[in-house]
PDB file of N, CA and C in Angstrom:
ATOM      1  N   MET A   1      85.227 -34.751 -48.628  1.00  0.00           N
ATOM      2  CA  MET A   1      85.638 -33.840 -49.454  1.00  0.00           C
ATOM      3  C   MET A   1      84.184 -33.114 -50.315  1.00  0.00           C
ATOM      4  N   HIS A   2      84.131 -32.141 -50.477  1.00  0.00           N
ATOM      5  CA  HIS A   2      83.178 -31.277 -51.310  1.00  0.00           C
ATOM      6  C   HIS A   2      83.687 -30.573 -52.149  1.00  0.00           C
ATOM      7  N   TYR A   3      82.907 -30.410 -53.203  1.00  0.00           N
ATOM      8  CA  TYR A   3      83.566 -29.763 -54.466  1.00  0.00           C
ATOM      9  C   TYR A   3      82.155 -28.765 -55.010  1.00  0.00           C
ATOM     10  N   TYR A   4      82.546 -27.633 -55.371  1.00  0.00           N
ATOM     11  CA  TYR A   4      81.644 -26.532 -55.808  1.00  0.00           C
ATOM     12  C   TYR A   4      82.159 -25.805 -56.991  1.00  0.00           C
ATOM     13  N   SER A   5      81.157 -25.561 -57.735  1.00  0.00           N
ATOM     14  CA  SER A   5      81.372 -24.669 -58.975  1.00  0.00           C
ATOM     15  C   SER A   5      80.272 -23.604 -59.030  1.00  0.00           C
ATOM     16  N   THR A   6      80.816 -22.618 -59.192  1.00  0.00           N
ATOM     17  CA  THR A   6      79.675 -21.247 -58.960  1.00  0.00           C
ATOM     18  C   THR A   6      80.290 -20.242 -60.248  1.00  0.00           C
ATOM     19  N   ILE A   7      79.328 -19.495 -60.520  1.00  0.00           N
ATOM     20  CA  ILE A   7      79.307 -18.305 -61.407  1.00  0.00           C
ATOM     21  C   ILE A   7      78.611 -17.169 -60.392  1.00  0.00           C
ATOM     22  N   GLU A   8      79.455 -16.010 -60.474  1.00  0.00           N
ATOM     23  CA  GLU A   8      79.082 -14.894 -59.477  1.00  0.00           C
ATOM     24  C   GLU A   8      79.195 -13.472 -60.281  1.00  0.00           C
ATOM     25  N   LEU A   9      78.142 -12.787 -60.147  1.00  0.00           N
ATOM     26  CA  LEU A   9      78.022 -11.504 -60.688  1.00  0.00           C
ATOM     27  C   LEU A   9      78.209 -10.526 -59.608  1.00  0.00           C
ATOM     28  N   GLN A  10      79.273  -9.773 -59.543  1.00  0.00           N
ATOM     29  CA  GLN A  10      79.432  -8.904 -58.658  1.00  0.00           C
ATOM     30  C   GLN A  10      79.323  -7.292 -59.224  1.00  0.00           C
ATOM     31  N   GLY A  11      79.018  -6.460 -58.241  1.00  0.00           N
ATOM     32  CA  GLY A  11      79.188  -5.150 -58.684  1.00  0.00           C
ATOM     33  C   GLY A  11      78.868  -4.087 -57.308  1.00  0.00           C
ATOM     34  N   ALA A  12      79.135  -2.802 -57.611  1.00  0.00           N
ATOM     35  CA  ALA A  12      79.039  -1.861 -56.405  1.00  0.00           C
ATOM     36  C   ALA A  12      79.225  -0.598 -57.198  1.00  0.00           C
ATOM     37  N   SER A  13      78.530   0.483 -56.470  1.00  0.00           N
ATOM     38  CA  SER A  13      78.546   2.025 -56.782  1.00  0.00           C
ATOM     39  C   SER A  13      78.805   2.740 -55.759  1.00  0.00           C
ATOM     40  N   TYR A  14      79.837   3.620 -55.607  1.00  0.00           N
ATOM     41  CA  TYR A  14      80.229   4.645 -54.611  1.00  0.00           C
ATOM     42  C   TYR A  14      79.992   6.014 -55.249  1.00  0.00           C
ATOM     43  N   HIS A  15      79.420   6.769 -54.326  1.00  0.00           N
ATOM     44  CA  HIS A  15      79.597   8.310 -54.605  1.00  0.00           C
ATOM     45  C   HIS A  15      80.470   8.834 -53.749  1.00  0.00           C
ATOM     46  N   ILE A  16      81.241   9.689 -54.495  1.00  0.00           N
ATOM     47  CA  ILE A  16      82.401  10.413 -54.284  1.00  0.00           C
ATOM     48  C   ILE A  16      81.860  11.929 -54.034  1.00  0.00           C
ATOM     49  N   THR A  17      81.887  12.429 -52.806  1.00  0.00           N
ATOM     50  CA  THR A  17      81.483  13.937 -52.534  1.00  0.00           C
ATOM     51  C   THR A  17      82.514  15.004 -52.449  1.00  0.00           C
ATOM     52  N   GLU A  18      83.734  14.195 -52.042  1.00  0.00           N
ATOM     53  CA  GLU A  18      84.891  15.255 -52.305  1.00  0.00           C
ATOM     54  C   GLU A  18      85.122  15.720 -53.550  1.00  0.00           C
ATOM     55  N   ARG A  19      85.303  17.144 -53.582  1.00  0.00           N
ATOM     56  CA  ARG A  19      85.359  17.788 -54.631  1.00  0.00           C
ATOM     57  C   ARG A  19      86.825  17.371 -55.580  1.00  0.00           C
ATOM     58  N   LEU A  20      86.950  16.584 -56.497  1.00  0.00           N
ATOM     59  CA  LEU A  20      88.163  16.235 -57.207  1.00  0.00           C
ATOM     60  C   LEU A  20      88.134  17.039 -58.544  1.00  0.00           C
ATOM     61  N   ILE A  21      87.453  17.117 -58.976  1.00  0.00           N
ATOM     62  CA  ILE A  21      87.298  18.040 -60.362  1.00  0.00           C
ATOM     63  C   ILE A  21      86.481  19.380 -59.926  1.00  0.00           C
ATOM     64  N   GLU A  22      87.219  20.586 -60.368  1.00  0.00           N
ATOM     65  CA  GLU A  22      86.608  21.651 -59.959  1.00  0.00           C
ATOM     66  C   GLU A  22      85.165  22.031 -60.626  1.00  0.00           C
ATOM     67  N   SER A  23      84.693  21.456 -61.575  1.00  0.00           N
ATOM     68  CA  SER A  23      83.446  21.712 -62.403  1.00  0.00           C
ATOM     69  C   SER A  23      82.522  20.645 -62.053  1.00  0.00           C
ATOM     70  N   VAL A  24      82.910  19.451 -61.044  1.00  0.00           N
ATOM     71  CA  VAL A  24      81.852  18.566 -60.882  1.00  0.00           C
ATOM     72  C   VAL A  24      82.029  18.517 -59.332  1.00  0.00           C
ATOM     73  N   ASP A  25      80.730  18.510 -58.755  1.00  0.00           N
ATOM     74  CA  ASP A  25      80.521  18.551 -57.227  1.00  0.00           C
ATOM     75  C   ASP A  25      80.407  17.124 -56.726  1.00  0.00           C
ATOM     76  N   LYS A  26      79.764  16.160 -57.336  1.00  0.00           N
ATOM     77  CA  LYS A  26      79.751  14.869 -56.923  1.00  0.00           C
ATOM     78  C   LYS A  26      80.145  13.898 -58.106  1.00  0.00           C
ATOM     79  N   LEU A  27      80.797  12.811 -57.747  1.00  0.00           N
ATOM     80  CA  LEU A  27      81.179  11.627 -58.678  1.00  0.00           C
ATOM     81  C   LEU A  27      80.624  10.470 -58.169  1.00  0.00           C
ATOM     82  N   GLU A  28      80.510   9.353 -59.248  1.00  0.00           N
ATOM     83  CA  GLU A  28      80.027   7.984 -58.685  1.00  0.00           C
ATOM     84  C   GLU A  28      81.228   7.235 -59.475  1.00  0.00           C
ATOM     85  N   PHE A  29      81.462   6.411 -58.780  1.00  0.00           N
ATOM     86  CA  PHE A  29      82.628   5.099 -59.013  1.00  0.00           C
ATOM     87  C   PHE A  29      81.981   3.780 -59.147  1.00  0.00           C
ATOM     88  N   ARG A  30      81.776   3.194 -60.139  1.00  0.00           N
ATOM     89  CA  ARG A  30      80.799   1.863 -60.490  1.00  0.00           C
ATOM     90  C   ARG A  30      81.946   1.032 -61.032  1.00  0.00           C
ATOM     91  N   HIS A  31      81.653  -0.491 -60.407  1.00  0.00           N
ATOM     92  CA  HIS A  31      82.451  -1.691 -60.971  1.00  0.00           C
ATOM     93  C   HIS A  31      81.732  -2.848 -61.113  1.00  0.00           C
ATOM     94  N   SER A  32      81.843  -3.607 -62.036  1.00  0.00           N
ATOM     95  CA  SER A  32      80.993  -4.900 -61.930  1.00  0.00           C
ATOM     96  C   SER A  32      82.124  -5.955 -62.586  1.00  0.00           C
ATOM     97  N   SER A  33      82.047  -7.067 -62.319  1.00  0.00           N
ATOM     98  CA  SER A  33      82.542  -8.325 -62.877  1.00  0.00           C
ATOM     99  C   SER A  33      81.952  -9.566 -62.857  1.00  0.00           C
ATOM    100  N   VAL A  34      82.192 -10.463 -63.162  1.00  0.00           N
ATOM    101  CA  VAL A  34      81.550 -11.858 -63.284  1.00  0.00           C
ATOM    102  C   VAL A  34      83.069 -12.814 -62.910  1.00  0.00           C
ATOM    103  N   ARG A  35      82.731 -13.710 -61.544  1.00  0.00           N
ATOM    104  CA  ARG A  35      83.791 -14.462 -61.535  1.00  0.00           C
ATOM    105  C   ARG A  35      83.158 -16.164 -61.577  1.00  0.00           C
ATOM    106  N   PHE A  36      84.264 -17.017 -62.117  1.00  0.00           N
ATOM    107  CA  PHE A  36      83.935 -18.339 -62.296  1.00  0.00           C
ATOM    108  C   PHE A  36      84.827 -18.911 -61.163  1.00  0.00           C
ATOM    109  N   ASN A  37      84.189 -19.686 -60.444  1.00  0.00           N
ATOM    110  CA  ASN A  37      84.943 -20.340 -59.348  1.00  0.00           C
ATOM    111  C   ASN A  37      84.747 -21.863 -59.235  1.00  0.00           C
ATOM    112  N   LEU A  38      85.989 -22.504 -58.799  1.00  0.00           N
ATOM    113  CA  LEU A  38      85.783 -23.945 -58.667  1.00  0.00           C
ATOM    114  C   LEU A  38      86.594 -24.085 -56.978  1.00  0.00           C
ATOM    115  N   ARG A  39      85.758 -24.569 -56.175  1.00  0.00           N
ATOM    116  CA  ARG A  39      85.937 -24.950 -54.703  1.00  0.00           C
ATOM    117  C   ARG A  39      85.884 -26.013 -54.202  1.00  0.00           C
ATOM    118  N   ALA A  40      87.240 -26.535 -53.317  1.00  0.00           N
ATOM    119  CA  ALA A  40      87.052 -27.985 -52.925  1.00  0.00           C
ATOM    120  C   ALA A  40      87.248 -27.600 -51.358  1.00  0.00           C
ATOM    121  N   GLU A  41      86.403 -28.287 -50.432  1.00  0.00           N
ATOM    122  CA  GLU A  41      86.362 -28.242 -49.080  1.00  0.00           C
ATOM    123  C   GLU A  41      86.752 -29.632 -48.439  1.00  0.00           C
ATOM    124  N   ARG A  42      87.418 -29.658 -47.430  1.00  0.00           N
ATOM    125  CA  ARG A  42      87.889 -30.776 -46.680  1.00  0.00           C
ATOM    126  C   ARG A  42      87.773 -30.683 -45.372  1.00  0.00           C
ATOM    127  N   GLU A  43      87.411 -31.710 -44.414  1.00  0.00           N
ATOM    128  CA  GLU A  43      87.407 -31.875 -43.136  1.00  0.00           C
ATOM    129  C   GLU A  43      88.802 -32.138 -42.536  1.00  0.00           C
ATOM    130  N   ILE A  44      89.479 -31.455 -41.878  1.00  0.00           N
ATOM    131  CA  ILE A  44      90.588 -31.844 -41.240  1.00  0.00           C
ATOM    132  C   ILE A  44      90.431 -32.351 -39.839  1.00  0.00           C
ATOM    133  N   HIS A  45      89.538 -31.821 -39.057  1.00  0.00           N
ATOM    134  CA  HIS A  45      88.933 -32.374 -37.739  1.00  0.00           C
ATOM    135  C   HIS A  45      87.577 -32.459 -37.583  1.00  0.00           C
ATOM    136  N   ASP A  46      86.890 -32.884 -36.584  1.00  0.00           N
ATOM    137  CA  ASP A  46      85.601 -32.727 -36.416  1.00  0.00           C
ATOM    138  C   ASP A  46      84.932 -31.457 -36.676  1.00  0.00           C
ATOM    139  N   TRP A  47      85.729 -30.420 -36.228  1.00  0.00           N
ATOM    140  CA  TRP A  47      85.246 -28.791 -36.146  1.00  0.00           C
ATOM    141  C   TRP A  47      86.028 -27.879 -37.274  1.00  0.00           C
ATOM    142  N   LEU A  48      87.199 -28.474 -37.623  1.00  0.00           N
ATOM    143  CA  LEU A  48      88.004 -27.919 -38.481  1.00  0.00           C
ATOM    144  C   LEU A  48      88.110 -28.292 -39.975  1.00  0.00           C
ATOM    145  N   TRP A  49      87.715 -27.074 -40.831  1.00  0.00           N
ATOM    146  CA  TRP A  49      87.768 -27.411 -42.324  1.00  0.00           C
ATOM    147  C   TRP A  49      88.689 -26.648 -42.945  1.00  0.00           C
ATOM    148  N   VAL A  50      88.928 -26.924 -44.260  1.00  0.00           N
ATOM    149  CA  VAL A  50      89.976 -26.196 -44.930  1.00  0.00           C
ATOM    150  C   VAL A  50      89.455 -25.991 -46.523  1.00  0.00           C
ATOM    151  N   GLY A  51      89.195 -24.843 -46.910  1.00  0.00           N
ATOM    152  CA  GLY A  51      88.715 -24.765 -48.316  1.00  0.00           C
ATOM    153  C   GLY A  51      89.930 -23.993 -49.169  1.00  0.00           C
ATOM    154  N   VAL A  52      89.676 -24.694 -50.562  1.00  0.00           N
ATOM    155  CA  VAL A  52      90.704 -24.024 -51.681  1.00  0.00           C
ATOM    156  C   VAL A  52      89.820 -23.605 -52.771  1.00  0.00           C
ATOM    157  N   THR A  53      89.882 -22.091 -53.252  1.00  0.00           N
ATOM    158  CA  THR A  53      89.199 -21.746 -54.264  1.00  0.00           C
ATOM    159  C   THR A  53      90.063 -21.299 -55.507  1.00  0.00           C
ATOM    160  N   PHE A  54      89.806 -21.764 -56.526  1.00  0.00           N
ATOM    161  CA  PHE A  54      90.615 -21.272 -57.521  1.00  0.00           C
ATOM    162  C   PHE A  54      89.325 -20.605 -59.028  1.00  0.00           C
ATOM    163  N   GLY A  55      89.755 -19.357 -59.293  1.00  0.00           N
ATOM    164  CA  GLY A  55      88.900 -18.796 -59.982  1.00  0.00           C
ATOM    165  C   GLY A  55      89.372 -17.919 -61.228  1.00  0.00           C
ATOM    166  N   TYR A  56      88.552 -17.255 -61.993  1.00  0.00           N
ATOM    167  CA  TYR A  56      88.686 -16.659 -62.966  1.00  0.00           C
ATOM    168  C   TYR A  56      87.801 -15.033 -63.091  1.00  0.00           C
ATOM    169  N   ARG A  57      88.357 -14.074 -62.885  1.00  0.00           N
ATOM    170  CA  ARG A  57      87.442 -13.008 -62.836  1.00  0.00           C
ATOM    171  C   ARG A  57      87.660 -12.396 -64.091  1.00  0.00           C
ATOM    172  N   VAL A  58      86.436 -11.917 -64.759  1.00  0.00           N
ATOM    173  CA  VAL A  58      86.211 -11.220 -65.953  1.00  0.00           C
ATOM    174  C   VAL A  58      85.751  -9.787 -65.523  1.00  0.00           C
ATOM    175  N   PRO A  59      86.332  -8.782 -65.780  1.00  0.00           N
ATOM    176  CA  PRO A  59      85.519  -7.261 -65.400  1.00  0.00           C
ATOM    177  C   PRO A  59      84.661  -6.945 -66.357  1.00  0.00           C
ATOM    178  N   ILE A  60      83.541  -6.555 -66.295  1.00  0.00           N
ATOM    179  CA  ILE A  60      82.564  -5.948 -67.066  1.00  0.00           C
ATOM    180  C   ILE A  60      82.760  -4.329 -67.336  1.00  0.00           C
ATOM    181  N   ASN A  61      82.875  -3.723 -66.382  1.00  0.00           N
ATOM    182  CA  ASN A  61      83.089  -2.091 -66.715  1.00  0.00           C
ATOM    183  C   ASN A  61      83.513  -1.439 -65.316  1.00  0.00           C
ATOM    184  N   ILE A  62      84.429  -0.702 -65.437  1.00  0.00           N
ATOM    185  CA  ILE A  62      84.749   0.243 -64.337  1.00  0.00           C
ATOM    186  C   ILE A  62      84.991   1.628 -64.697  1.00  0.00           C
ATOM    187  N   PHE A  63      84.324   2.495 -64.135  1.00  0.00           N
ATOM    188  CA  PHE A  63      84.355   3.968 -64.615  1.00  0.00           C
ATOM    189  C   PHE A  63      84.062   4.835 -63.380  1.00  0.00           C
ATOM    190  N   ILE A  64      84.179   6.219 -63.704  1.00  0.00           N
ATOM    191  CA  ILE A  64      84.023   7.312 -62.723  1.00  0.00           C
ATOM    192  C   ILE A  64      83.116   8.322 -63.684  1.00  0.00           C
ATOM    193  N   SER A  65      81.891   8.679 -63.167  1.00  0.00           N
ATOM    194  CA  SER A  65      80.981   9.447 -63.887  1.00  0.00           C
ATOM    195  C   SER A  65      80.235  10.417 -63.015  1.00  0.00           C
ATOM    196  N   GLU A  66      79.782  11.293 -63.407  1.00  0.00           N
ATOM    197  CA  GLU A  66      78.633  12.392 -62.732  1.00  0.00           C
ATOM    198  C   GLU A  66      77.540  11.295 -62.551  1.00  0.00           C
ATOM    199  N   PRO A  67      76.980  11.446 -61.121  1.00  0.00           N
ATOM    200  CA  PRO A  67      75.884  10.571 -60.961  1.00  0.00           C
ATOM    201  C   PRO A  67      74.576  10.623 -61.921  1.00  0.00           C
ATOM    202  N   GLY A  68      74.217   9.228 -62.383  1.00  0.00           N
ATOM    203  CA  GLY A  68      73.286   9.206 -63.288  1.00  0.00           C
ATOM    204  C   GLY A  68      73.777   9.310 -64.770  1.00  0.00           C
ATOM    205  N   GLU A  69      74.885   9.533 -65.289  1.00  0.00           N
ATOM    206  CA  GLU A  69      75.287   9.612 -66.671  1.00  0.00           C
ATOM    207  C   GLU A  69      75.773   8.435 -66.874  1.00  0.00           C
ATOM    208  N   GLY A  70      76.017   7.413 -66.293  1.00  0.00           N
ATOM    209  CA  GLY A  70      76.436   5.983 -66.931  1.00  0.00           C
ATOM    210  C   GLY A  70      77.623   5.903 -67.433  1.00  0.00           C
ATOM    211  N   ARG A  71      78.164   4.830 -68.207  1.00  0.00           N
ATOM    212  CA  ARG A  71      79.321   4.627 -68.705  1.00  0.00           C
ATOM    213  C   ARG A  71      79.764   5.424 -70.026  1.00  0.00           C
ATOM    214  N   ASN A  72      78.610   5.695 -70.744  1.00  0.00           N
ATOM    215  CA  ASN A  72      78.764   6.151 -72.069  1.00  0.00           C
ATOM    216  C   ASN A  72      79.377   7.694 -71.876  1.00  0.00           C
ATOM    217  N   ASN A  73      78.997   8.304 -70.855  1.00  0.00           N
ATOM    218  CA  ASN A  73      79.500   9.766 -70.551  1.00  0.00           C
ATOM    219  C   ASN A  73      80.365   9.735 -69.437  1.00  0.00           C
ATOM    220  N   SER A  74      81.295   8.639 -69.306  1.00  0.00           N
ATOM    221  CA  SER A  74      82.006   8.585 -67.934  1.00  0.00           C
ATOM    222  C   SER A  74      83.309   9.681 -68.357  1.00  0.00           C
ATOM    223  N   LEU A  75      83.615  10.152 -67.127  1.00  0.00           N
ATOM    224  CA  LEU A  75      85.018  10.730 -67.156  1.00  0.00           C
ATOM    225  C   LEU A  75      86.239  10.160 -67.124  1.00  0.00           C
ATOM    226  N   VAL A  76      86.244   9.085 -66.464  1.00  0.00           N
ATOM    227  CA  VAL A  76      87.268   8.362 -66.464  1.00  0.00           C
ATOM    228  C   VAL A  76      86.926   6.717 -66.725  1.00  0.00           C
ATOM    229  N   LYS A  77      87.285   6.028 -67.707  1.00  0.00           N
ATOM    230  CA  LYS A  77      87.238   4.485 -67.938  1.00  0.00           C
ATOM    231  C   LYS A  77      88.489   3.999 -67.591  1.00  0.00           C
ATOM    232  N   ILE A  78      88.412   2.769 -66.732  1.00  0.00           N
ATOM    233  CA  ILE A  78      89.367   1.985 -66.323  1.00  0.00           C
ATOM    234  C   ILE A  78      89.599   0.804 -67.068  1.00  0.00           C
ATOM    235  N   ASP A  79      90.547   0.258 -67.689  1.00  0.00           N
ATOM    236  CA  ASP A  79      90.620  -0.922 -68.707  1.00  0.00           C
ATOM    237  C   ASP A  79      91.262  -1.835 -67.664  1.00  0.00           C
ATOM    238  N   VAL A  80      90.633  -2.890 -67.344  1.00  0.00           N
ATOM    239  CA  VAL A  80      91.377  -4.022 -66.451  1.00  0.00           C
ATOM    240  C   VAL A  80      91.373  -5.214 -67.359  1.00  0.00           C
ATOM    241  N   ASN A  81      92.240  -6.032 -67.123  1.00  0.00           N
ATOM    242  CA  ASN A  81      92.462  -7.389 -67.882  1.00  0.00           C
ATOM    243  C   ASN A  81      91.825  -8.453 -66.978  1.00  0.00           C
ATOM    244  N   SER A  82      91.361  -9.622 -67.497  1.00  0.00           N
ATOM    245  CA  SER A  82      90.938 -10.393 -66.599  1.00  0.00           C
ATOM    246  C   SER A  82      91.932 -11.252 -66.011  1.00  0.00           C
ATOM    247  N   ALA A  83      91.811 -11.818 -64.940  1.00  0.00           N
ATOM    248  CA  ALA A  83      92.822 -12.499 -63.842  1.00  0.00           C
ATOM    249  C   ALA A  83      92.250 -13.673 -63.416  1.00  0.00           C
ATOM    250  N   LEU A  84      93.336 -14.668 -63.121  1.00  0.00           N
ATOM    251  CA  LEU A  84      93.118 -15.901 -62.351  1.00  0.00           C
ATOM    252  C   LEU A  84      93.320 -15.420 -60.674  1.00  0.00           C
ATOM    253  N   TYR A  85      92.891 -16.084 -59.913  1.00  0.00           N
ATOM    254  CA  TYR A  85      93.039 -15.864 -58.703  1.00  0.00           C
ATOM    255  C   TYR A  85      92.665 -17.153 -57.679  1.00  0.00           C
ATOM    256  N   THR A  86      93.232 -17.069 -56.387  1.00  0.00           N
ATOM    257  CA  THR A  86      93.124 -18.244 -55.627  1.00  0.00           C
ATOM    258  C   THR A  86      92.777 -17.979 -54.246  1.00  0.00           C
ATOM    259  N   ASN A  87      92.184 -18.616 -53.395  1.00  0.00           N
ATOM    260  CA  ASN A  87      91.943 -18.228 -51.940  1.00  0.00           C
ATOM    261  C   ASN A  87      91.959 -19.429 -51.332  1.00  0.00           C
ATOM    262  N   LEU A  88      92.704 -19.291 -50.097  1.00  0.00           N
ATOM    263  CA  LEU A  88      92.688 -20.491 -49.043  1.00  0.00           C
ATOM    264  C   LEU A  88      92.228 -20.015 -47.762  1.00  0.00           C
ATOM    265  N   SER A  89      91.269 -20.900 -47.309  1.00  0.00           N
ATOM    266  CA  SER A  89      90.406 -20.480 -46.141  1.00  0.00           C
ATOM    267  C   SER A  89      90.258 -21.582 -45.176  1.00  0.00           C
ATOM    268  N   ILE A  90      90.642 -21.416 -43.725  1.00  0.00           N
ATOM    269  CA  ILE A  90      90.230 -22.313 -42.878  1.00  0.00           C
ATOM    270  C   ILE A  90      89.106 -21.756 -41.952  1.00  0.00           C
ATOM    271  N   PHE A  91      88.111 -22.632 -41.779  1.00  0.00           N
ATOM    272  CA  PHE A  91      87.001 -22.321 -41.015  1.00  0.00           C
ATOM    273  C   PHE A  91      86.594 -23.242 -39.828  1.00  0.00           C
ATOM    274  N   ILE A  92      85.699 -22.831 -38.905  1.00  0.00           N
ATOM    275  CA  ILE A  92      85.336 -23.503 -37.839  1.00  0.00           C
ATOM    276  C   ILE A  92      83.678 -24.018 -38.095  1.00  0.00           C
ATOM    277  N   VAL A  93      83.540 -25.230 -37.901  1.00  0.00           N
ATOM    278  CA  VAL A  93      81.938 -25.352 -37.817  1.00  0.00           C
ATOM    279  C   VAL A  93      81.472 -26.121 -36.650  1.00  0.00           C
ATOM    280  N   PRO A  94      80.269 -26.258 -36.204  1.00  0.00           N
ATOM    281  CA  PRO A  94      79.842 -26.976 -34.986  1.00  0.00           C
ATOM    282  C   PRO A  94      80.121 -28.373 -35.247  1.00  0.00           C
ATOM    283  N   PRO A  95      80.714 -29.282 -34.223  1.00  0.00           N
ATOM    284  CA  PRO A  95      81.093 -30.755 -34.262  1.00  0.00           C
ATOM    285  C   PRO A  95      79.827 -31.292 -34.828  1.00  0.00           C
ATOM    286  N   ALA A  96      80.133 -32.614 -35.279  1.00  0.00           N
ATOM    287  CA  ALA A  96      78.672 -33.397 -35.856  1.00  0.00           C
ATOM    288  C   ALA A  96      78.160 -33.854 -34.556  1.00  0.00           C
ATOM    289  N   LYS A  97      79.046 -34.052 -33.424  1.00  0.00           N
ATOM    290  CA  LYS A  97      78.117 -34.624 -32.267  1.00  0.00           C
ATOM    291  C   LYS A  97      76.942 -33.760 -31.854  1.00  0.00           C
ATOM    292  N   LEU A  98      77.070 -32.362 -32.091  1.00  0.00           N
ATOM    293  CA  LEU A  98      76.018 -31.294 -31.699  1.00  0.00           C
ATOM    294  C   LEU A  98      74.958 -31.506 -32.724  1.00  0.00           C
ATOM    295  N   TYR A  99      74.917 -32.026 -33.954  1.00  0.00           N
ATOM    296  CA  TYR A  99      73.917 -32.230 -34.671  1.00  0.00           C
ATOM    297  C   TYR A  99      73.463 -33.594 -34.433  1.00  0.00           C
ATOM    298  N   LYS A 100      73.886 -34.414 -34.265  1.00  0.00           N
ATOM    299  CA  LYS A 100      73.458 -35.688 -33.957  1.00  0.00           C
ATOM    300  C   LYS A 100      72.463 -35.479 -32.478  1.00  0.00           C
ATOM    301  N   ARG A 101      73.071 -34.837 -31.403  1.00  0.00           N
ATOM    302  CA  ARG A 101      72.322 -34.638 -30.369  1.00  0.00           C
ATOM    303  C   ARG A 101      71.257 -33.708 -30.451  1.00  0.00           C
ATOM    304  N   ALA A 102      71.124 -32.473 -31.384  1.00  0.00           N
ATOM    305  CA  ALA A 102      70.155 -31.576 -31.450  1.00  0.00           C
ATOM    306  C   ALA A 102      69.203 -32.526 -32.438  1.00  0.00           C
ATOM    307  N   LYS A 103      69.407 -33.436 -33.443  1.00  0.00           N
ATOM    308  CA  LYS A 103      68.487 -34.388 -33.810  1.00  0.00           C
ATOM    309  C   LYS A 103      67.702 -35.493 -33.046  1.00  0.00           C
ATOM    310  N   GLY A 104      68.312 -35.825 -32.086  1.00  0.00           N
ATOM    311  CA  GLY A 104      67.883 -36.851 -31.358  1.00  0.00           C
ATOM    312  C   GLY A 104      66.766 -36.487 -30.148  1.00  0.00           C
ATOM    313  N   SER A 105      67.083 -34.975 -29.975  1.00  0.00           N
ATOM    314  CA  SER A 105      66.000 -34.414 -29.013  1.00  0.00           C
ATOM    315  C   SER A 105      64.692 -34.161 -29.550  1.00  0.00           C
TER     316      SER A 105
END
């Protein structure tokens, strides 16, 4: 069993060229958040693993503005609360036999 603890800073910026507001030709949608994660991974079979992640997401900012204006001059500010989340994943890895064989060669 493997355990991991991480802190992630995420963010993205999207340019909207569709004219949504008559007086504005282009808009920019930006969002950023911090995620605190705890993850456990366990081998089910030699090549099959399962992982469970529990986390807490804290939004820093989410807004729509004209390009280059920033959040202080935003047209729309979106207020989102922090939230708990979970993720279950199943993944395939090369069998341990392949590692031993490659190491011995």
